[in-house]
C-alpha atoms as a PDB file:
ATOM      1  CA  MET A   1     -16.306 -23.976 -12.766  1.00  0.00           C
ATOM      2  CA  LEU A   2     -13.617 -25.256 -10.422  1.00  0.00           C
ATOM      3  CA  PRO A   3     -13.884 -28.798  -9.034  1.00  0.00           C
ATOM      4  CA  GLU A   4     -15.393 -28.997  -5.548  1.00  0.00           C
ATOM      5  CA  SER A   5     -12.580 -31.343  -4.510  1.00  0.00           C
ATOM      6  CA  TRP A   6     -10.025 -28.608  -5.286  1.00  0.00           C
ATOM      7  CA  TRP A   7     -11.820 -26.111  -3.049  1.00  0.00           C
ATOM      8  CA  GLN A   8     -11.934 -28.702  -0.280  1.00  0.00           C
ATOM      9  CA  SER A   9      -8.198 -29.357  -0.634  1.00  0.00           C
ATOM     10  CA  LEU A  10      -7.295 -25.739   0.166  1.00  0.00           C
ATOM     11  CA  SER A  11      -7.322 -26.377   3.898  1.00  0.00           C
ATOM     12  CA  GLU A  12      -4.289 -28.654   3.377  1.00  0.00           C
ATOM     13  CA  ASN A  13      -2.890 -27.212   0.151  1.00  0.00           C
ATOM     14  CA  SER A  14      -3.202 -23.446   0.471  1.00  0.00           C
ATOM     15  CA  TYR A  15       0.479 -22.640  -0.112  1.00  0.00           C
ATOM     16  CA  GLY A  16       0.017 -21.867  -3.798  1.00  0.00           C
ATOM     17  CA  VAL A  17      -2.932 -19.534  -3.243  1.00  0.00           C
ATOM     18  CA  ARG A  18      -2.378 -18.017   0.179  1.00  0.00           C
ATOM     19  CA  THR A  19      -1.452 -14.597  -1.219  1.00  0.00           C
ATOM     20  CA  CYS A  20      -4.837 -14.552  -2.973  1.00  0.00           C
ATOM     21  CA  LEU A  21      -6.461 -14.312   0.436  1.00  0.00           C
ATOM     22  CA  VAL A  22      -4.853 -10.916   1.104  1.00  0.00           C
ATOM     23  CA  ALA A  23      -4.379  -9.644  -2.449  1.00  0.00           C
ATOM     24  CA  SER A  24      -5.556  -6.177  -3.380  1.00  0.00           C
ATOM     25  CA  SER A  25      -6.587  -7.495  -6.815  1.00  0.00           C
ATOM     26  CA  PRO A  26      -8.731 -10.642  -6.896  1.00  0.00           C
ATOM     27  CA  CYS A  27      -7.049 -13.796  -8.140  1.00  0.00           C
ATOM     28  CA  ILE A  28      -8.407 -15.534 -11.221  1.00  0.00           C
ATOM     29  CA  ALA A  29      -8.804 -19.321 -11.377  1.00  0.00           C
ATOM     30  CA  TRP A  30      -9.735 -21.563 -14.293  1.00  0.00           C
ATOM     31  CA  THR A  31      -9.320 -25.124 -15.503  1.00  0.00           C
ATOM     32  CA  MET A  32      -7.577 -26.554 -18.538  1.00  0.00           C
ATOM     33  CA  ASP A  33      -5.896 -29.844 -19.391  1.00  0.00           C
ATOM     34  CA  LEU A  34      -2.155 -29.206 -19.301  1.00  0.00           C
ATOM     35  CA  ASN A  35      -0.864 -32.748 -19.762  1.00  0.00           C
ATOM     36  CA  ASN A  36      -3.309 -34.375 -22.208  1.00  0.00           C
ATOM     37  CA  ASP A  37      -4.631 -36.848 -19.643  1.00  0.00           C
ATOM     38  CA  GLY A  38      -8.240 -35.794 -20.238  1.00  0.00           C
ATOM     39  CA  LYS A  39      -8.560 -34.321 -16.728  1.00  0.00           C
ATOM     40  CA  PRO A  40      -8.477 -30.578 -16.133  1.00  0.00           C
ATOM     41  CA  GLU A  41      -5.817 -28.985 -13.989  1.00  0.00           C
ATOM     42  CA  VAL A  42      -6.652 -25.890 -11.922  1.00  0.00           C
ATOM     43  CA  LEU A  43      -4.664 -22.731 -12.642  1.00  0.00           C
ATOM     44  CA  VAL A  44      -4.656 -19.737 -10.316  1.00  0.00           C
ATOM     45  CA  TYR A  45      -3.398 -16.317 -11.411  1.00  0.00           C
ATOM     46  CA  ASP A  46      -2.343 -14.057  -8.547  1.00  0.00           C
ATOM     47  CA  ARG A  47      -2.581 -10.619 -10.140  1.00  0.00           C
ATOM     48  CA  ASP A  48      -0.632  -8.856  -7.381  1.00  0.00           C
ATOM     49  CA  GLN A  49       2.285 -11.296  -7.505  1.00  0.00           C
ATOM     50  CA  ARG A  50       1.955 -11.814 -11.295  1.00  0.00           C
ATOM     51  CA  GLU A  51       2.244 -15.564 -10.816  1.00  0.00           C
ATOM     52  CA  ILE A  52       0.315 -18.554 -12.128  1.00  0.00           C
ATOM     53  CA  THR A  53       0.205 -21.772 -10.105  1.00  0.00           C
ATOM     54  CA  ALA A  54      -1.078 -25.048 -11.561  1.00  0.00           C
ATOM     55  CA  PHE A  55      -2.618 -27.844  -9.518  1.00  0.00           C
ATOM     56  CA  SER A  56      -3.356 -31.419 -10.559  1.00  0.00           C
ATOM     57  CA  GLU A  57      -5.405 -34.120  -8.882  1.00  0.00           C
ATOM     58  CA  GLU A  58      -3.761 -37.498  -8.471  1.00  0.00           C
ATOM     59  CA  ASN A  59      -5.033 -40.304  -6.250  1.00  0.00           C
ATOM     60  CA  GLU A  60      -7.816 -38.003  -5.003  1.00  0.00           C
ATOM     61  CA  GLN A  61      -5.290 -35.399  -3.797  1.00  0.00           C
ATOM     62  CA  TRP A  62      -4.549 -32.017  -5.327  1.00  0.00           C
ATOM     63  CA  ARG A  63      -0.951 -30.858  -5.494  1.00  0.00           C
ATOM     64  CA  ASN A  64       0.978 -27.965  -6.966  1.00  0.00           C
ATOM     65  CA  ILE A  65       2.591 -29.232 -10.192  1.00  0.00           C
ATOM     66  CA  ALA A  66       3.831 -26.131 -12.018  1.00  0.00           C
ATOM     67  CA  GLY A  67       4.162 -22.406 -11.868  1.00  0.00           C
ATOM     68  CA  PHE A  68       5.039 -19.334 -13.841  1.00  0.00           C
ATOM     69  CA  SER A  69       6.195 -15.994 -12.500  1.00  0.00           C
ATOM     70  CA  CYS A  70       5.827 -12.824 -14.494  1.00  0.00           C
ATOM     71  CA  ARG A  71       7.568 -10.657 -11.914  1.00  0.00           C
ATOM     72  CA  ASP A  72      10.774 -10.862 -13.939  1.00  0.00           C
ATOM     73  CA  ARG A  73      10.869  -7.788 -16.170  1.00  0.00           C
ATOM     74  CA  ILE A  74      12.899  -9.639 -18.818  1.00  0.00           C
ATOM     75  CA  SER A  75      10.308 -12.361 -19.518  1.00  0.00           C
ATOM     76  CA  CYS A  76       7.327 -10.076 -18.794  1.00  0.00           C
ATOM     77  CA  PRO A  77       8.052  -6.413 -19.441  1.00  0.00           C
ATOM     78  CA  ASP A  78       5.630  -3.930 -17.885  1.00  0.00           C
ATOM     79  CA  LYS A  79       4.405  -2.882 -21.325  1.00  0.00           C
ATOM     80  CA  TYR A  80       2.751  -6.337 -21.663  1.00  0.00           C
ATOM     81  CA  SER A  81       1.215  -6.336 -18.189  1.00  0.00           C
ATOM     82  CA  ALA A  82      -2.216  -4.987 -19.150  1.00  0.00           C
ATOM     83  CA  ALA A  83      -2.470  -7.293 -22.185  1.00  0.00           C
ATOM     84  CA  PHE A  84      -1.420 -10.273 -20.054  1.00  0.00           C
ATOM     85  CA  ASP A  85      -4.109  -9.544 -17.439  1.00  0.00           C
ATOM     86  CA  ARG A  86      -6.789  -8.884 -20.067  1.00  0.00           C
ATOM     87  CA  ALA A  87      -6.049 -12.094 -21.980  1.00  0.00           C
ATOM     88  CA  ILE A  88      -6.367 -14.174 -18.811  1.00  0.00           C
ATOM     89  CA  GLN A  89      -9.587 -12.440 -17.767  1.00  0.00           C
ATOM     90  CA  GLN A  90     -11.109 -12.957 -21.218  1.00  0.00           C
ATOM     91  CA  GLY A  91     -10.078 -16.613 -21.433  1.00  0.00           C
ATOM     92  CA  GLU A  92      -7.674 -16.112 -24.337  1.00  0.00           C
ATOM     93  CA  LEU A  93      -5.573 -19.034 -23.145  1.00  0.00           C
ATOM     94  CA  GLY A  94      -4.024 -22.102 -24.658  1.00  0.00           C
ATOM     95  CA  THR A  95      -1.085 -24.426 -24.320  1.00  0.00           C
ATOM     96  CA  ILE A  96       1.910 -25.056 -26.527  1.00  0.00           C
ATOM     97  CA  GLU A  97       3.469 -28.491 -26.703  1.00  0.00           C
ATOM     98  CA  LYS A  98       7.141 -28.396 -25.785  1.00  0.00           C
ATOM     99  CA  PRO A  99       9.623 -29.646 -28.378  1.00  0.00           C
ATOM    100  CA  GLY A 100      12.041 -30.993 -25.763  1.00  0.00           C
ATOM    101  CA  ARG A 101      11.631 -34.507 -24.460  1.00  0.00           C
ATOM    102  CA  ASP A 102      12.492 -36.289 -21.224  1.00  0.00           C
ATOM    103  CA  LEU A 103      14.905 -39.194 -20.937  1.00  0.00           C
ATOM    104  CA  GLN A 104      13.940 -42.786 -20.301  1.00  0.00           C
ATOM    105  CA  ILE A 105      16.602 -45.010 -18.780  1.00  0.00           C
ATOM    106  CA  ASP A 106      15.808 -48.592 -17.817  1.00  0.00           C
ATOM    107  CA  GLY A 107      12.078 -47.841 -17.967  1.00  0.00           C
ATOM    108  CA  GLN A 108      12.336 -44.836 -15.617  1.00  0.00           C
ATOM    109  CA  ARG A 109      11.488 -41.292 -16.764  1.00  0.00           C
ATOM    110  CA  TYR A 110      13.979 -38.516 -16.019  1.00  0.00           C
ATOM    111  CA  LYS A 111      12.800 -34.943 -16.584  1.00  0.00           C
ATOM    112  CA  LEU A 112      15.174 -32.736 -18.523  1.00  0.00           C
ATOM    113  CA  ASP A 113      15.159 -28.987 -17.878  1.00  0.00           C
ATOM    114  CA  TYR A 114      16.076 -27.148 -21.066  1.00  0.00           C
ATOM    115  CA  TYR A 115      17.177 -23.764 -19.600  1.00  0.00           C
ATOM    116  CA  GLY A 116      15.429 -21.602 -22.175  1.00  0.00           C
ATOM    117  CA  ALA A 117      16.614 -23.533 -25.222  1.00  0.00           C
ATOM    118  CA  TYR A 118      13.032 -23.602 -26.533  1.00  0.00           C
END
């Protein structure tokens, strides 16, 4: 079940899900904790666009924090499309901790992008 506060935020934060409103295939949404803070993030899979958008609530406001696009045929070949959709629909989902770390300089965190190294 998706948090009521997330649904209410869509009037201000619909950018990440607006294509779901006109999609020929219904979008799929679920919750899971992506950052180990004990609070679930909301993930929305737009089946037409083959994109997943993640939202997190901070200071009582939901915002788009991450995304994944499977439109690229290199990272998501068509032969995996049906399996990808089925796994999401059946809840066969998990997370994998990234081996790369961010930098900390003078107490400030700086996010490193690893460009496919992992």
